[in-house]
PDB file of N, CA and C in Angstrom:
ATOM      1  N   UNK A   1      63.544  73.804  13.356  1.00  0.00           N
ATOM      2  CA  UNK A   1      63.601  72.630  14.617  1.00  0.00           C
ATOM      3  C   UNK A   1      62.546  73.025  15.827  1.00  0.00           C
ATOM      4  N   UNK A   2      62.432  74.213  16.232  1.00  0.00           N
ATOM      5  CA  UNK A   2      61.614  74.605  17.376  1.00  0.00           C
ATOM      6  C   UNK A   2      60.194  74.268  16.929  1.00  0.00           C
ATOM      7  N   UNK A   3      59.948  74.246  15.587  1.00  0.00           N
ATOM      8  CA  UNK A   3      58.537  73.744  15.210  1.00  0.00           C
ATOM      9  C   UNK A   3      58.115  72.383  15.671  1.00  0.00           C
ATOM     10  N   UNK A   4      59.324  71.670  15.210  1.00  0.00           N
ATOM     11  CA  UNK A   4      58.992  70.187  15.395  1.00  0.00           C
ATOM     12  C   UNK A   4      58.556  69.761  16.953  1.00  0.00           C
ATOM     13  N   UNK A   5      59.715  70.660  17.800  1.00  0.00           N
ATOM     14  CA  UNK A   5      59.643  70.260  19.220  1.00  0.00           C
ATOM     15  C   UNK A   5      58.405  70.553  19.679  1.00  0.00           C
ATOM     16  N   UNK A   6      57.663  71.678  19.260  1.00  0.00           N
ATOM     17  CA  UNK A   6      56.400  72.339  19.893  1.00  0.00           C
ATOM     18  C   UNK A   6      55.551  71.289  19.637  1.00  0.00           C
ATOM     19  N   UNK A   7      55.530  70.721  18.045  1.00  0.00           N
ATOM     20  CA  UNK A   7      54.217  69.985  17.873  1.00  0.00           C
ATOM     21  C   UNK A   7      54.547  68.481  18.563  1.00  0.00           C
ATOM     22  N   UNK A   8      55.617  68.173  18.985  1.00  0.00           N
ATOM     23  CA  UNK A   8      55.986  66.832  19.690  1.00  0.00           C
ATOM     24  C   UNK A   8      55.345  66.899  21.026  1.00  0.00           C
ATOM     25  N   UNK A   9      55.733  67.955  21.785  1.00  0.00           N
ATOM     26  CA  UNK A   9      54.976  68.341  22.745  1.00  0.00           C
ATOM     27  C   UNK A   9      53.712  68.306  23.112  1.00  0.00           C
ATOM     28  N   UNK A  10      53.112  68.779  21.960  1.00  0.00           N
ATOM     29  CA  UNK A  10      51.564  68.820  22.020  1.00  0.00           C
ATOM     30  C   UNK A  10      50.991  67.498  21.661  1.00  0.00           C
ATOM     31  N   UNK A  11      51.761  66.638  21.043  1.00  0.00           N
ATOM     32  CA  UNK A  11      51.264  65.224  21.045  1.00  0.00           C
ATOM     33  C   UNK A  11      51.342  64.105  22.096  1.00  0.00           C
ATOM     34  N   UNK A  12      52.344  64.767  22.990  1.00  0.00           N
ATOM     35  CA  UNK A  12      52.640  63.946  24.348  1.00  0.00           C
ATOM     36  C   UNK A  12      51.796  64.520  25.301  1.00  0.00           C
ATOM     37  N   UNK A  13      51.277  65.486  25.354  1.00  0.00           N
ATOM     38  CA  UNK A  13      50.172  65.727  26.346  1.00  0.00           C
ATOM     39  C   UNK A  13      49.259  64.730  26.584  1.00  0.00           C
ATOM     40  N   UNK A  14      48.715  64.271  27.848  1.00  0.00           N
ATOM     41  CA  UNK A  14      47.736  63.415  28.079  1.00  0.00           C
ATOM     42  C   UNK A  14      46.309  64.106  27.843  1.00  0.00           C
ATOM     43  N   UNK A  15      45.439  63.354  27.402  1.00  0.00           N
ATOM     44  CA  UNK A  15      44.003  63.761  27.161  1.00  0.00           C
ATOM     45  C   UNK A  15      43.450  64.250  28.267  1.00  0.00           C
ATOM     46  N   UNK A  16      42.789  65.618  28.202  1.00  0.00           N
ATOM     47  CA  UNK A  16      42.334  66.105  28.963  1.00  0.00           C
ATOM     48  C   UNK A  16      40.597  65.310  29.783  1.00  0.00           C
ATOM     49  N   UNK A  17      40.900  65.091  30.963  1.00  0.00           N
ATOM     50  CA  UNK A  17      40.194  64.423  31.830  1.00  0.00           C
ATOM     51  C   UNK A  17      38.433  65.077  31.817  1.00  0.00           C
ATOM     52  N   UNK A  18      37.316  64.470  31.844  1.00  0.00           N
ATOM     53  CA  UNK A  18      36.200  65.143  31.899  1.00  0.00           C
ATOM     54  C   UNK A  18      36.080  65.500  33.201  1.00  0.00           C
ATOM     55  N   UNK A  19      35.207  66.563  33.569  1.00  0.00           N
ATOM     56  CA  UNK A  19      35.304  67.457  34.581  1.00  0.00           C
ATOM     57  C   UNK A  19      33.909  66.760  35.659  1.00  0.00           C
ATOM     58  N   UNK A  20      33.979  66.306  36.489  1.00  0.00           N
ATOM     59  CA  UNK A  20      33.052  65.492  37.125  1.00  0.00           C
ATOM     60  C   UNK A  20      32.840  66.318  38.461  1.00  0.00           C
ATOM     61  N   UNK A  21      32.573  67.635  38.527  1.00  0.00           N
ATOM     62  CA  UNK A  21      32.303  68.496  39.488  1.00  0.00           C
ATOM     63  C   UNK A  21      31.060  68.418  39.763  1.00  0.00           C
ATOM     64  N   UNK A  22      30.038  68.275  38.810  1.00  0.00           N
ATOM     65  CA  UNK A  22      28.720  68.510  39.381  1.00  0.00           C
ATOM     66  C   UNK A  22      28.162  67.101  39.907  1.00  0.00           C
ATOM     67  N   UNK A  23      28.725  65.870  39.375  1.00  0.00           N
ATOM     68  CA  UNK A  23      28.628  64.792  39.703  1.00  0.00           C
ATOM     69  C   UNK A  23      28.805  64.416  41.241  1.00  0.00           C
ATOM     70  N   UNK A  24      30.215  65.303  41.724  1.00  0.00           N
ATOM     71  CA  UNK A  24      30.416  65.045  43.080  1.00  0.00           C
ATOM     72  C   UNK A  24      29.651  65.520  43.984  1.00  0.00           C
ATOM     73  N   UNK A  25      28.809  66.678  43.690  1.00  0.00           N
ATOM     74  CA  UNK A  25      28.018  67.410  44.572  1.00  0.00           C
ATOM     75  C   UNK A  25      26.573  66.410  44.368  1.00  0.00           C
ATOM     76  N   UNK A  26      26.211  65.741  43.655  1.00  0.00           N
ATOM     77  CA  UNK A  26      25.105  64.707  43.423  1.00  0.00           C
ATOM     78  C   UNK A  26      25.299  63.591  44.428  1.00  0.00           C
ATOM     79  N   UNK A  27      26.617  63.231  44.443  1.00  0.00           N
ATOM     80  CA  UNK A  27      27.008  62.051  45.436  1.00  0.00           C
ATOM     81  C   UNK A  27      26.841  62.470  46.603  1.00  0.00           C
ATOM     82  N   UNK A  28      27.453  63.579  47.175  1.00  0.00           N
ATOM     83  CA  UNK A  28      27.434  64.211  48.062  1.00  0.00           C
ATOM     84  C   UNK A  28      26.019  64.484  48.892  1.00  0.00           C
ATOM     85  N   UNK A  29      25.232  64.855  48.029  1.00  0.00           N
ATOM     86  CA  UNK A  29      23.954  65.041  48.187  1.00  0.00           C
ATOM     87  C   UNK A  29      23.250  63.765  49.144  1.00  0.00           C
ATOM     88  N   UNK A  30      23.675  62.719  48.140  1.00  0.00           N
ATOM     89  CA  UNK A  30      22.875  61.364  48.221  1.00  0.00           C
ATOM     90  C   UNK A  30      23.973  60.894  49.675  1.00  0.00           C
ATOM     91  N   UNK A  31      24.882  61.147  49.853  1.00  0.00           N
ATOM     92  CA  UNK A  31      25.725  60.632  50.789  1.00  0.00           C
ATOM     93  C   UNK A  31      24.976  61.026  52.286  1.00  0.00           C
ATOM     94  N   UNK A  32      24.584  62.632  52.237  1.00  0.00           N
ATOM     95  CA  UNK A  32      24.001  63.429  53.337  1.00  0.00           C
ATOM     96  C   UNK A  32      22.632  62.603  53.656  1.00  0.00           C
ATOM     97  N   UNK A  33      21.993  62.398  52.498  1.00  0.00           N
ATOM     98  CA  UNK A  33      20.149  61.751  52.851  1.00  0.00           C
ATOM     99  C   UNK A  33      20.756  60.285  53.533  1.00  0.00           C
ATOM    100  N   UNK A  34      21.570  59.620  52.981  1.00  0.00           N
ATOM    101  CA  UNK A  34      21.695  58.278  53.502  1.00  0.00           C
ATOM    102  C   UNK A  34      22.419  58.581  55.125  1.00  0.00           C
ATOM    103  N   UNK A  35      22.958  59.435  55.168  1.00  0.00           N
ATOM    104  CA  UNK A  35      23.458  59.616  56.714  1.00  0.00           C
ATOM    105  C   UNK A  35      22.415  59.975  57.434  1.00  0.00           C
ATOM    106  N   UNK A  36      21.476  60.499  57.385  1.00  0.00           N
ATOM    107  CA  UNK A  36      20.635  61.324  57.960  1.00  0.00           C
ATOM    108  C   UNK A  36      19.426  60.096  58.266  1.00  0.00           C
ATOM    109  N   UNK A  37      18.983  59.623  57.220  1.00  0.00           N
ATOM    110  CA  UNK A  37      17.826  58.474  57.445  1.00  0.00           C
ATOM    111  C   UNK A  37      18.217  57.263  57.857  1.00  0.00           C
ATOM    112  N   UNK A  38      19.579  57.048  57.511  1.00  0.00           N
ATOM    113  CA  UNK A  38      20.037  55.404  58.554  1.00  0.00           C
ATOM    114  C   UNK A  38      19.634  55.131  59.756  1.00  0.00           C
ATOM    115  N   UNK A  39      20.121  56.515  60.853  1.00  0.00           N
ATOM    116  CA  UNK A  39      20.225  56.041  62.352  1.00  0.00           C
ATOM    117  C   UNK A  39      18.829  56.343  62.538  1.00  0.00           C
ATOM    118  N   UNK A  40      18.109  56.880  62.102  1.00  0.00           N
ATOM    119  CA  UNK A  40      16.416  57.090  62.306  1.00  0.00           C
ATOM    120  C   UNK A  40      15.525  56.078  62.092  1.00  0.00           C
ATOM    121  N   UNK A  41      16.037  55.446  61.101  1.00  0.00           N
ATOM    122  CA  UNK A  41      15.151  53.995  60.704  1.00  0.00           C
ATOM    123  C   UNK A  41      15.631  52.847  61.980  1.00  0.00           C
ATOM    124  N   UNK A  42      17.083  53.125  61.967  1.00  0.00           N
ATOM    125  CA  UNK A  42      17.571  51.940  63.112  1.00  0.00           C
ATOM    126  C   UNK A  42      16.824  52.181  64.114  1.00  0.00           C
ATOM    127  N   UNK A  43      16.906  53.625  64.717  1.00  0.00           N
ATOM    128  CA  UNK A  43      16.542  53.877  66.160  1.00  0.00           C
ATOM    129  C   UNK A  43      15.039  53.479  66.109  1.00  0.00           C
ATOM    130  N   UNK A  44      14.013  53.344  64.978  1.00  0.00           N
ATOM    131  CA  UNK A  44      12.602  53.213  65.038  1.00  0.00           C
ATOM    132  C   UNK A  44      12.583  51.637  65.281  1.00  0.00           C
ATOM    133  N   UNK A  45      13.436  50.972  64.711  1.00  0.00           N
ATOM    134  CA  UNK A  45      13.416  49.471  64.742  1.00  0.00           C
ATOM    135  C   UNK A  45      13.766  49.210  66.394  1.00  0.00           C
ATOM    136  N   UNK A  46      14.914  49.599  66.797  1.00  0.00           N
ATOM    137  CA  UNK A  46      15.125  49.474  68.305  1.00  0.00           C
ATOM    138  C   UNK A  46      14.326  49.920  69.135  1.00  0.00           C
ATOM    139  N   UNK A  47      13.396  51.101  68.834  1.00  0.00           N
ATOM    140  CA  UNK A  47      12.222  51.296  69.829  1.00  0.00           C
ATOM    141  C   UNK A  47      10.959  50.339  69.870  1.00  0.00           C
ATOM    142  N   UNK A  48      10.693  49.805  68.730  1.00  0.00           N
ATOM    143  CA  UNK A  48       9.888  48.689  68.458  1.00  0.00           C
ATOM    144  C   UNK A  48      10.071  47.496  69.069  1.00  0.00           C
ATOM    145  N   UNK A  49      11.414  47.262  68.912  1.00  0.00           N
ATOM    146  CA  UNK A  49      11.899  45.935  69.580  1.00  0.00           C
ATOM    147  C   UNK A  49      11.989  46.097  71.114  1.00  0.00           C
ATOM    148  N   UNK A  50      12.343  47.563  71.739  1.00  0.00           N
ATOM    149  CA  UNK A  50      12.328  47.674  72.950  1.00  0.00           C
ATOM    150  C   UNK A  50      10.476  47.569  73.512  1.00  0.00           C
ATOM    151  N   UNK A  51       9.606  48.043  72.734  1.00  0.00           N
ATOM    152  CA  UNK A  51       8.437  48.198  73.128  1.00  0.00           C
ATOM    153  C   UNK A  51       7.870  46.775  73.020  1.00  0.00           C
ATOM    154  N   UNK A  52       7.949  45.993  72.040  1.00  0.00           N
ATOM    155  CA  UNK A  52       7.390  44.494  72.148  1.00  0.00           C
ATOM    156  C   UNK A  52       7.626  43.704  73.167  1.00  0.00           C
ATOM    157  N   UNK A  53       9.074  43.719  73.601  1.00  0.00           N
ATOM    158  CA  UNK A  53       9.935  42.937  74.370  1.00  0.00           C
ATOM    159  C   UNK A  53       9.925  43.373  75.736  1.00  0.00           C
ATOM    160  N   UNK A  54      10.009  44.776  76.021  1.00  0.00           N
ATOM    161  CA  UNK A  54      10.219  45.022  77.347  1.00  0.00           C
ATOM    162  C   UNK A  54       9.358  46.210  78.125  1.00  0.00           C
ATOM    163  N   UNK A  55       9.055  47.240  77.527  1.00  0.00           N
ATOM    164  CA  UNK A  55       8.173  48.233  77.771  1.00  0.00           C
ATOM    165  C   UNK A  55       7.330  48.804  76.664  1.00  0.00           C
ATOM    166  N   UNK A  56       6.204  48.882  77.288  1.00  0.00           N
ATOM    167  CA  UNK A  56       5.153  49.441  75.973  1.00  0.00           C
ATOM    168  C   UNK A  56       4.621  50.840  76.253  1.00  0.00           C
ATOM    169  N   UNK A  57       5.643  51.685  75.819  1.00  0.00           N
ATOM    170  CA  UNK A  57       5.376  52.910  76.084  1.00  0.00           C
ATOM    171  C   UNK A  57       5.796  54.064  74.683  1.00  0.00           C
ATOM    172  N   UNK A  58       5.134  54.885  74.579  1.00  0.00           N
ATOM    173  CA  UNK A  58       5.084  56.059  73.522  1.00  0.00           C
ATOM    174  C   UNK A  58       6.507  56.447  73.727  1.00  0.00           C
ATOM    175  N   UNK A  59       6.884  56.759  75.150  1.00  0.00           N
ATOM    176  CA  UNK A  59       8.083  57.688  75.266  1.00  0.00           C
ATOM    177  C   UNK A  59       9.509  56.877  75.021  1.00  0.00           C
ATOM    178  N   UNK A  60       9.538  55.740  74.737  1.00  0.00           N
ATOM    179  CA  UNK A  60      10.347  54.782  74.202  1.00  0.00           C
ATOM    180  C   UNK A  60      10.822  55.340  72.581  1.00  0.00           C
ATOM    181  N   UNK A  61       9.432  55.360  72.377  1.00  0.00           N
ATOM    182  CA  UNK A  61       9.589  55.781  70.720  1.00  0.00           C
ATOM    183  C   UNK A  61      10.086  57.172  70.492  1.00  0.00           C
ATOM    184  N   UNK A  62       9.700  57.964  71.126  1.00  0.00           N
ATOM    185  CA  UNK A  62       9.833  59.220  71.397  1.00  0.00           C
ATOM    186  C   UNK A  62      11.334  59.623  71.506  1.00  0.00           C
ATOM    187  N   UNK A  63      12.004  58.974  72.690  1.00  0.00           N
ATOM    188  CA  UNK A  63      13.459  59.034  72.849  1.00  0.00           C
ATOM    189  C   UNK A  63      14.376  58.405  71.807  1.00  0.00           C
ATOM    190  N   UNK A  64      14.084  57.120  71.343  1.00  0.00           N
ATOM    191  CA  UNK A  64      14.672  56.721  70.285  1.00  0.00           C
ATOM    192  C   UNK A  64      14.840  57.385  69.111  1.00  0.00           C
ATOM    193  N   UNK A  65      13.592  57.878  68.751  1.00  0.00           N
ATOM    194  CA  UNK A  65      13.389  59.078  67.484  1.00  0.00           C
ATOM    195  C   UNK A  65      14.215  60.222  67.617  1.00  0.00           C
ATOM    196  N   UNK A  66      14.183  60.789  68.632  1.00  0.00           N
ATOM    197  CA  UNK A  66      14.882  61.947  69.012  1.00  0.00           C
ATOM    198  C   UNK A  66      16.622  61.697  68.673  1.00  0.00           C
ATOM    199  N   UNK A  67      16.882  60.326  69.616  1.00  0.00           N
ATOM    200  CA  UNK A  67      18.393  60.376  69.506  1.00  0.00           C
ATOM    201  C   UNK A  67      18.775  60.026  67.956  1.00  0.00           C
ATOM    202  N   UNK A  68      17.891  59.221  67.266  1.00  0.00           N
ATOM    203  CA  UNK A  68      18.210  58.889  65.797  1.00  0.00           C
ATOM    204  C   UNK A  68      18.416  60.190  65.034  1.00  0.00           C
ATOM    205  N   UNK A  69      17.366  61.198  65.197  1.00  0.00           N
ATOM    206  CA  UNK A  69      17.808  62.524  64.585  1.00  0.00           C
ATOM    207  C   UNK A  69      18.892  63.473  64.797  1.00  0.00           C
ATOM    208  N   UNK A  70      19.097  63.292  66.176  1.00  0.00           N
ATOM    209  CA  UNK A  70      20.361  64.014  66.700  1.00  0.00           C
ATOM    210  C   UNK A  70      21.489  63.261  66.068  1.00  0.00           C
ATOM    211  N   UNK A  71      21.516  61.881  65.993  1.00  0.00           N
ATOM    212  CA  UNK A  71      22.934  61.334  65.306  1.00  0.00           C
ATOM    213  C   UNK A  71      22.839  61.686  64.028  1.00  0.00           C
ATOM    214  N   UNK A  72      21.908  61.688  63.076  1.00  0.00           N
ATOM    215  CA  UNK A  72      22.035  61.657  61.554  1.00  0.00           C
ATOM    216  C   UNK A  72      22.334  62.805  61.264  1.00  0.00           C
ATOM    217  N   UNK A  73      21.740  64.268  62.036  1.00  0.00           N
ATOM    218  CA  UNK A  73      22.116  65.353  61.781  1.00  0.00           C
ATOM    219  C   UNK A  73      23.349  65.794  62.082  1.00  0.00           C
ATOM    220  N   UNK A  74      23.733  65.462  63.445  1.00  0.00           N
ATOM    221  CA  UNK A  74      25.477  65.858  63.555  1.00  0.00           C
ATOM    222  C   UNK A  74      26.207  64.762  62.628  1.00  0.00           C
ATOM    223  N   UNK A  75      25.831  63.642  62.148  1.00  0.00           N
ATOM    224  CA  UNK A  75      26.788  63.084  61.363  1.00  0.00           C
ATOM    225  C   UNK A  75      27.268  63.908  60.159  1.00  0.00           C
ATOM    226  N   UNK A  76      25.611  64.183  59.500  1.00  0.00           N
ATOM    227  CA  UNK A  76      25.605  64.972  58.335  1.00  0.00           C
ATOM    228  C   UNK A  76      26.813  66.277  58.557  1.00  0.00           C
ATOM    229  N   UNK A  77      26.457  66.912  59.327  1.00  0.00           N
ATOM    230  CA  UNK A  77      27.077  68.312  59.857  1.00  0.00           C
ATOM    231  C   UNK A  77      28.559  67.632  59.822  1.00  0.00           C
ATOM    232  N   UNK A  78      29.249  66.678  60.401  1.00  0.00           N
ATOM    233  CA  UNK A  78      30.492  66.188  60.288  1.00  0.00           C
ATOM    234  C   UNK A  78      31.143  66.205  58.999  1.00  0.00           C
ATOM    235  N   UNK A  79      30.191  65.631  58.377  1.00  0.00           N
ATOM    236  CA  UNK A  79      30.725  65.312  57.002  1.00  0.00           C
ATOM    237  C   UNK A  79      30.687  66.330  55.900  1.00  0.00           C
ATOM    238  N   UNK A  80      29.836  67.335  56.110  1.00  0.00           N
ATOM    239  CA  UNK A  80      30.104  68.557  55.548  1.00  0.00           C
ATOM    240  C   UNK A  80      31.016  69.463  55.956  1.00  0.00           C
ATOM    241  N   UNK A  81      31.440  69.585  57.236  1.00  0.00           N
ATOM    242  CA  UNK A  81      32.532  70.125  57.789  1.00  0.00           C
ATOM    243  C   UNK A  81      33.979  69.754  57.332  1.00  0.00           C
ATOM    244  N   UNK A  82      33.982  68.048  56.633  1.00  0.00           N
ATOM    245  CA  UNK A  82      35.144  67.857  56.307  1.00  0.00           C
ATOM    246  C   UNK A  82      35.141  68.325  54.914  1.00  0.00           C
ATOM    247  N   UNK A  83      34.136  68.286  54.207  1.00  0.00           N
ATOM    248  CA  UNK A  83      34.266  68.701  52.849  1.00  0.00           C
ATOM    249  C   UNK A  83      34.581  69.987  52.526  1.00  0.00           C
ATOM    250  N   UNK A  84      34.247  70.961  53.611  1.00  0.00           N
ATOM    251  CA  UNK A  84      34.741  72.379  53.595  1.00  0.00           C
ATOM    252  C   UNK A  84      36.117  72.789  53.400  1.00  0.00           C
TER     253      UNK A  84
END
């Protein structure tokens, strides 16, 4: 009778799930890349708009570019610390 119960328990176990460990890291790398690039590109467009409409100076581009880089890397750092 114990043999029948052990066979029943084995049949009732749910199937094992596929390990998605490596795919999670690929997704994380993609997310980090997107989080870094998006603010940089956005700030370049903002700097271009400011330079066309208001002030034509290279310093506008430099300040906007540096703020985009800072924002992107700070966001990436925050995501990595959450995943830790």
